[in-house]
Amino acid sequence: MSLEFHQIDAFTDQPFAGNPAIVYRLDRWLDEALMQRIAAEHNLAETAFVVKEGRAWHIRWFTPVSEVPLCGHATLAAAKVLFDVYREPAEVLDFNCLSGALQVTRQGDRLELDFPVRRVELVVQPLHDQAECALERQVEQVLALRNGDGSVQELMVVLGSEAELRELKPNLPALATLPGLGVLVTAGGQKHDFVSRYFAPSIGIDEDPVTGSTHCMLVPYWAERLGRTTLSAFQCSARGGELLCRLEGERVRIAGHARHIASGQLML
């Protein structure tokens, strides 16, 4: 059996920048363990699998070690593949996933994600101190996105400046012991409204190049702090990526470019 895959660099219009993702369009679902092994073989931050179910596409995302509930850059990548490779005629693609309904709209040479807001809250002092220890610096705030049962899904840390963020060299083994999937670190920007970096060593991602889903937390936070709903963002990893964001009620619009880099066949 052979499966066609495509590699997309998301949130960039240049090759070898943004965040790379692998996309598989399947006729039917593979065994979950096999999809996880395929993601581990590609060894990128995310591998996306999509299957048409009725009028919408069901999408699932796997890191090299686990499935995740929401991923922005690999959704952008999947839409790029469906529009450009498989010639989907619609201007809007509907997706279903573990986090609910999503949409991607084609807007000229950009694609725009429509994702749910993910609101964060301040954490108690012991967790604040643990995050500072893992990041090896004092921080302004530590906030958490929580699951329905109250457990931590993600941590978000606010620093005082973009320079601090760019210079950050966290203790990755210590970060991996913190609760949640990963640690999002953000600060006000110099050329952009805000900047960020994202570390998730506990799920096999030391640092993610550009993370669309974290902007579902960042946009409502910075919109309230800056007093406006249209924001420019930059994720200042080594590859880097630019995102144009807009808060609309309980939804976040995240727009960016995507570049098709490679295609191939996986032989099973």
Protein backbone atom coordinates (compact mmCIF):
# COMPACT_ATOMS: atom_id res chain seq x y z
CA MET A 1 0.00 0.00 0.00
CA SER A 2 1.21 3.51 -0.79
CA LEU A 3 -0.07 6.79 0.63
CA GLU A 4 0.46 10.22 -0.91
CA PHE A 5 1.71 12.97 1.38
CA HIS A 6 2.55 16.64 0.99
CA GLN A 7 4.83 18.91 3.02
CA ILE A 8 3.80 22.52 3.58
CA ASP A 9 5.64 25.38 5.26
CA ALA A 10 2.86 27.27 7.07
CA PHE A 11 2.73 30.95 8.04
CA THR A 12 5.33 31.96 5.47
CA ASP A 13 5.56 32.62 1.75
CA GLN A 14 9.21 31.52 1.64
CA PRO A 15 10.64 27.98 1.60
CA PHE A 16 12.45 26.77 4.74
CA ALA A 17 10.66 29.26 6.99
CA GLY A 18 7.43 29.12 8.98
CA ASN A 19 6.34 25.77 10.41
CA PRO A 20 6.54 22.58 8.33
CA ALA A 21 3.70 20.05 8.43
CA ILE A 22 2.93 16.82 6.61
CA VAL A 23 -0.59 16.32 5.22
CA TYR A 24 -2.30 13.07 4.22
CA ARG A 25 -5.70 13.13 2.52
CA LEU A 26 -7.18 9.68 3.19
CA ASP A 27 -10.24 7.90 1.76
CA ARG A 28 -10.82 6.28 5.15
CA TRP A 29 -9.15 6.31 8.54
CA LEU A 30 -6.04 4.29 9.22
CA ASP A 31 -5.51 2.53 12.51
CA GLU A 32 -4.65 5.12 15.18
CA ALA A 33 -1.40 3.35 16.10
CA LEU A 34 -0.34 3.41 12.44
CA MET A 35 -1.03 7.14 12.12
CA GLN A 36 1.10 7.71 15.22
CA ARG A 37 3.95 5.66 13.73
CA ILE A 38 3.70 7.61 10.45
CA ALA A 39 3.96 10.90 12.39
CA ALA A 40 6.99 9.57 14.25
CA GLU A 41 8.58 8.58 10.93
CA HIS A 42 8.19 12.10 9.51
CA ASN A 43 9.39 13.53 12.83
CA LEU A 44 7.97 17.01 12.26
CA ALA A 45 6.03 18.96 14.87
CA GLU A 46 2.72 17.85 13.31
CA THR A 47 1.40 15.39 10.76
CA ALA A 48 -2.23 15.99 9.74
CA PHE A 49 -4.67 13.38 8.43
CA VAL A 50 -7.95 14.43 6.80
CA VAL A 51 -10.96 12.35 5.72
CA LYS A 52 -14.10 13.72 4.04
CA GLU A 53 -17.16 13.10 6.21
CA GLY A 54 -20.32 14.54 4.66
CA ARG A 55 -19.69 18.18 3.68
CA ALA A 56 -16.84 18.68 6.13
CA TRP A 57 -13.33 17.32 6.57
CA HIS A 58 -12.49 15.47 9.76
CA ILE A 59 -8.92 16.42 10.73
CA ARG A 60 -6.56 14.82 13.25
CA TRP A 61 -3.05 15.97 14.21
CA PHE A 62 -0.17 13.91 15.57
CA THR A 63 3.18 15.00 16.98
CA PRO A 64 5.98 12.41 16.87
CA VAL A 65 4.72 11.04 20.20
CA SER A 66 1.01 11.86 20.65
CA GLU A 67 -2.24 13.16 19.18
CA VAL A 68 -3.17 16.76 20.03
CA PRO A 69 -6.62 18.39 20.27
CA LEU A 70 -5.91 21.49 18.17
CA CYS A 71 -3.24 22.61 15.71
CA GLY A 72 -3.24 25.77 13.64
CA HIS A 73 -0.30 25.45 11.28
CA ALA A 74 -1.15 21.90 10.20
CA THR A 75 -4.77 22.96 9.57
CA LEU A 76 -3.48 25.79 7.39
CA ALA A 77 -1.26 23.23 5.64
CA ALA A 78 -4.16 20.82 5.12
CA ALA A 79 -6.27 23.58 3.58
CA LYS A 80 -3.39 24.53 1.27
CA VAL A 81 -3.18 20.92 0.07
CA LEU A 82 -6.94 20.55 -0.42
CA PHE A 83 -7.18 23.84 -2.32
CA ASP A 84 -4.05 23.57 -4.48
CA VAL A 85 -3.38 19.85 -4.91
CA TYR A 86 -6.87 18.34 -4.80
CA ARG A 87 -8.60 21.40 -6.30
CA GLU A 88 -11.37 21.86 -3.76
CA PRO A 89 -13.70 24.34 -5.48
CA ALA A 90 -15.12 26.02 -2.37
CA GLU A 91 -13.65 29.22 -0.96
CA VAL A 92 -14.32 28.01 2.61
CA LEU A 93 -13.38 24.59 3.99
CA ASP A 94 -15.18 23.19 7.03
CA PHE A 95 -13.24 20.97 9.43
CA ASN A 96 -14.31 18.91 12.44
CA CYS A 97 -11.84 17.93 15.15
CA LEU A 98 -11.48 17.12 18.84
CA SER A 99 -11.91 20.84 19.63
CA GLY A 100 -15.09 21.30 17.59
CA ALA A 101 -15.83 22.99 14.26
CA LEU A 102 -13.14 24.95 12.39
CA GLN A 103 -13.04 26.81 9.08
CA VAL A 104 -10.35 27.93 6.67
CA THR A 105 -11.14 30.64 4.10
CA ARG A 106 -9.11 31.33 0.98
CA GLN A 107 -8.33 35.07 0.74
CA GLY A 108 -6.22 35.65 -2.35
CA ASP A 109 -2.73 34.45 -1.56
CA ARG A 110 -3.49 34.05 2.17
CA LEU A 111 -5.50 31.50 4.12
CA GLU A 112 -7.48 32.48 7.22
CA LEU A 113 -8.24 30.12 10.10
CA ASP A 114 -11.43 30.48 12.14
CA PHE A 115 -10.69 28.95 15.56
CA PRO A 116 -12.35 29.06 19.00
CA VAL A 117 -11.13 31.45 21.69
CA ARG A 118 -9.17 29.71 24.47
CA ARG A 119 -9.18 31.84 27.62
CA VAL A 120 -6.48 31.65 30.26
CA GLU A 121 -6.41 32.43 33.98
CA LEU A 122 -3.68 33.27 36.48
CA VAL A 123 -2.11 30.28 38.25
CA VAL A 124 -1.39 29.86 41.96
CA GLN A 125 2.03 30.90 43.27
CA PRO A 126 3.73 27.46 43.45
CA LEU A 127 3.15 26.87 39.74
CA HIS A 128 4.29 30.43 38.98
CA ASP A 129 7.53 29.69 40.81
CA GLN A 130 8.01 26.37 38.99
CA ALA A 131 7.62 28.08 35.63
CA GLU A 132 10.16 30.75 36.56
CA CYS A 133 12.59 28.04 37.64
CA ALA A 134 12.20 26.15 34.34
CA LEU A 135 12.58 29.34 32.29
CA GLU A 136 15.47 30.47 34.51
CA ARG A 137 14.20 34.06 34.80
CA GLN A 138 11.62 36.19 36.57
CA VAL A 139 8.39 36.69 34.63
CA GLU A 140 5.45 39.10 34.75
CA GLN A 141 2.63 36.55 34.78
CA VAL A 142 1.97 32.82 34.50
CA LEU A 143 -1.47 31.83 33.22
CA ALA A 144 -3.10 28.52 32.37
CA LEU A 145 -5.55 27.16 29.85
CA ARG A 146 -7.55 24.52 31.70
CA ASN A 147 -9.35 21.36 30.65
CA GLY A 148 -12.93 20.71 31.68
CA ASP A 149 -11.77 18.83 34.76
CA GLY A 150 -9.63 21.76 35.93
CA SER A 151 -6.29 20.25 34.95
CA VAL A 152 -3.78 22.34 33.01
CA GLN A 153 -3.84 21.94 29.21
CA GLU A 154 -1.28 24.68 28.41
CA LEU A 155 0.74 27.24 30.34
CA MET A 156 1.25 30.82 29.13
CA VAL A 157 4.06 33.00 30.49
CA VAL A 158 4.32 36.77 29.95
CA LEU A 159 7.75 38.43 29.82
CA GLY A 160 8.59 42.13 29.98
CA SER A 161 10.10 42.59 26.50
CA GLU A 162 10.73 41.06 23.09
CA ALA A 163 14.47 41.12 23.81
CA GLU A 164 13.95 38.88 26.86
CA LEU A 165 11.87 36.50 24.78
CA ARG A 166 14.43 36.25 21.99
CA GLU A 167 17.26 35.64 24.47
CA LEU A 168 15.34 32.96 26.37
CA LYS A 169 17.11 29.61 26.78
CA PRO A 170 14.80 27.52 28.98
CA ASN A 171 15.71 24.38 30.86
CA LEU A 172 13.86 21.92 28.60
CA PRO A 173 13.96 18.91 30.98
CA ALA A 174 12.47 21.14 33.68
CA LEU A 175 9.82 22.47 31.27
CA ALA A 176 8.83 18.89 30.44
CA THR A 177 7.90 18.30 34.10
CA LEU A 178 5.39 21.18 34.19
CA PRO A 179 1.70 20.28 33.79
CA GLY A 180 0.08 20.53 30.36
CA LEU A 181 1.14 19.95 26.78
CA GLY A 182 3.56 22.87 26.56
CA VAL A 183 4.64 26.34 27.66
CA LEU A 184 3.76 29.41 25.60
CA VAL A 185 5.95 32.46 26.27
CA THR A 186 4.93 35.91 25.03
CA ALA A 187 5.79 39.61 25.23
CA GLY A 188 4.83 42.87 23.60
CA GLY A 189 6.53 43.32 20.23
CA GLN A 190 8.68 46.01 18.64
CA LYS A 191 7.50 45.74 15.02
CA HIS A 192 4.43 43.61 15.85
CA ASP A 193 1.76 43.98 18.51
CA PHE A 194 3.04 40.88 20.30
CA VAL A 195 5.57 38.10 19.86
CA SER A 196 5.77 34.56 21.19
CA ARG A 197 7.66 31.27 21.40
CA TYR A 198 6.28 27.82 22.23
CA PHE A 199 8.05 24.92 23.94
CA ALA A 200 6.55 21.43 24.30
CA PRO A 201 9.33 18.95 25.15
CA SER A 202 6.90 16.62 26.93
CA ILE A 203 5.21 15.79 23.59
CA GLY A 204 8.40 15.64 21.52
CA ILE A 205 8.65 19.30 20.41
CA ASP A 206 11.53 21.20 22.02
CA GLU A 207 10.44 24.41 20.27
CA ASP A 208 7.67 24.74 17.70
CA PRO A 209 8.54 27.15 14.85
CA VAL A 210 5.07 28.74 14.44
CA THR A 211 2.01 27.67 16.44
CA GLY A 212 -1.40 28.76 15.20
CA SER A 213 -3.42 27.21 18.05
CA THR A 214 -1.58 29.16 20.76
CA HIS A 215 -2.87 32.38 19.19
CA CYS A 216 -6.33 31.33 20.37
CA MET A 217 -4.95 32.18 23.83
CA LEU A 218 -2.69 35.04 22.80
CA VAL A 219 -5.18 37.08 20.79
CA PRO A 220 -7.87 37.51 23.49
CA TYR A 221 -5.14 38.23 26.08
CA TRP A 222 -3.38 40.91 24.01
CA ALA A 223 -6.66 42.31 22.63
CA GLU A 224 -7.76 43.08 26.19
CA ARG A 225 -4.33 44.37 27.21
CA LEU A 226 -3.85 46.61 24.13
CA GLY A 227 -7.49 47.65 23.71
CA ARG A 228 -8.00 46.56 20.11
CA THR A 229 -9.17 43.46 18.25
CA THR A 230 -6.95 43.47 15.12
CA LEU A 231 -3.38 42.47 15.93
CA SER A 232 -0.16 41.58 14.17
CA ALA A 233 1.91 38.76 15.64
CA PHE A 234 5.30 37.18 15.08
CA GLN A 235 6.58 33.88 16.47
CA CYS A 236 10.29 34.48 16.85
CA SER A 237 11.69 30.96 16.59
CA ALA A 238 14.74 30.24 14.42
CA ARG A 239 12.45 29.80 11.35
CA GLY A 240 9.95 32.49 12.36
CA GLY A 241 6.46 33.21 11.11
CA GLU A 242 4.04 36.12 10.80
CA LEU A 243 0.34 35.93 11.67
CA LEU A 244 -2.43 38.51 11.14
CA CYS A 245 -5.03 38.07 13.88
CA ARG A 246 -8.51 39.33 14.65
CA LEU A 247 -10.77 38.70 17.64
CA GLU A 248 -14.47 38.29 16.79
CA GLY A 249 -16.46 37.47 19.91
CA GLU A 250 -15.60 33.90 20.90
CA ARG A 251 -13.70 33.22 17.68
CA VAL A 252 -10.16 34.07 16.61
CA ARG A 253 -9.27 34.71 12.97
CA ILE A 254 -5.64 33.88 12.11
CA ALA A 255 -4.38 34.58 8.59
CA GLY A 256 -1.10 33.66 6.96
CA HIS A 257 0.63 32.33 3.88
CA ALA A 258 1.59 28.73 3.15
CA ARG A 259 4.23 27.32 0.80
CA HIS A 260 4.06 23.84 -0.80
CA ILE A 261 7.54 22.36 -0.39
CA ALA A 262 7.43 18.66 -1.30
CA SER A 263 5.23 15.68 -2.17
CA GLY A 264 5.90 11.97 -1.98
CA GLN A 265 4.67 8.43 -1.46
CA LEU A 266 4.84 6.50 1.79
CA MET A 267 5.31 2.80 1.00
CA LEU A 268 3.70 0.41 3.50
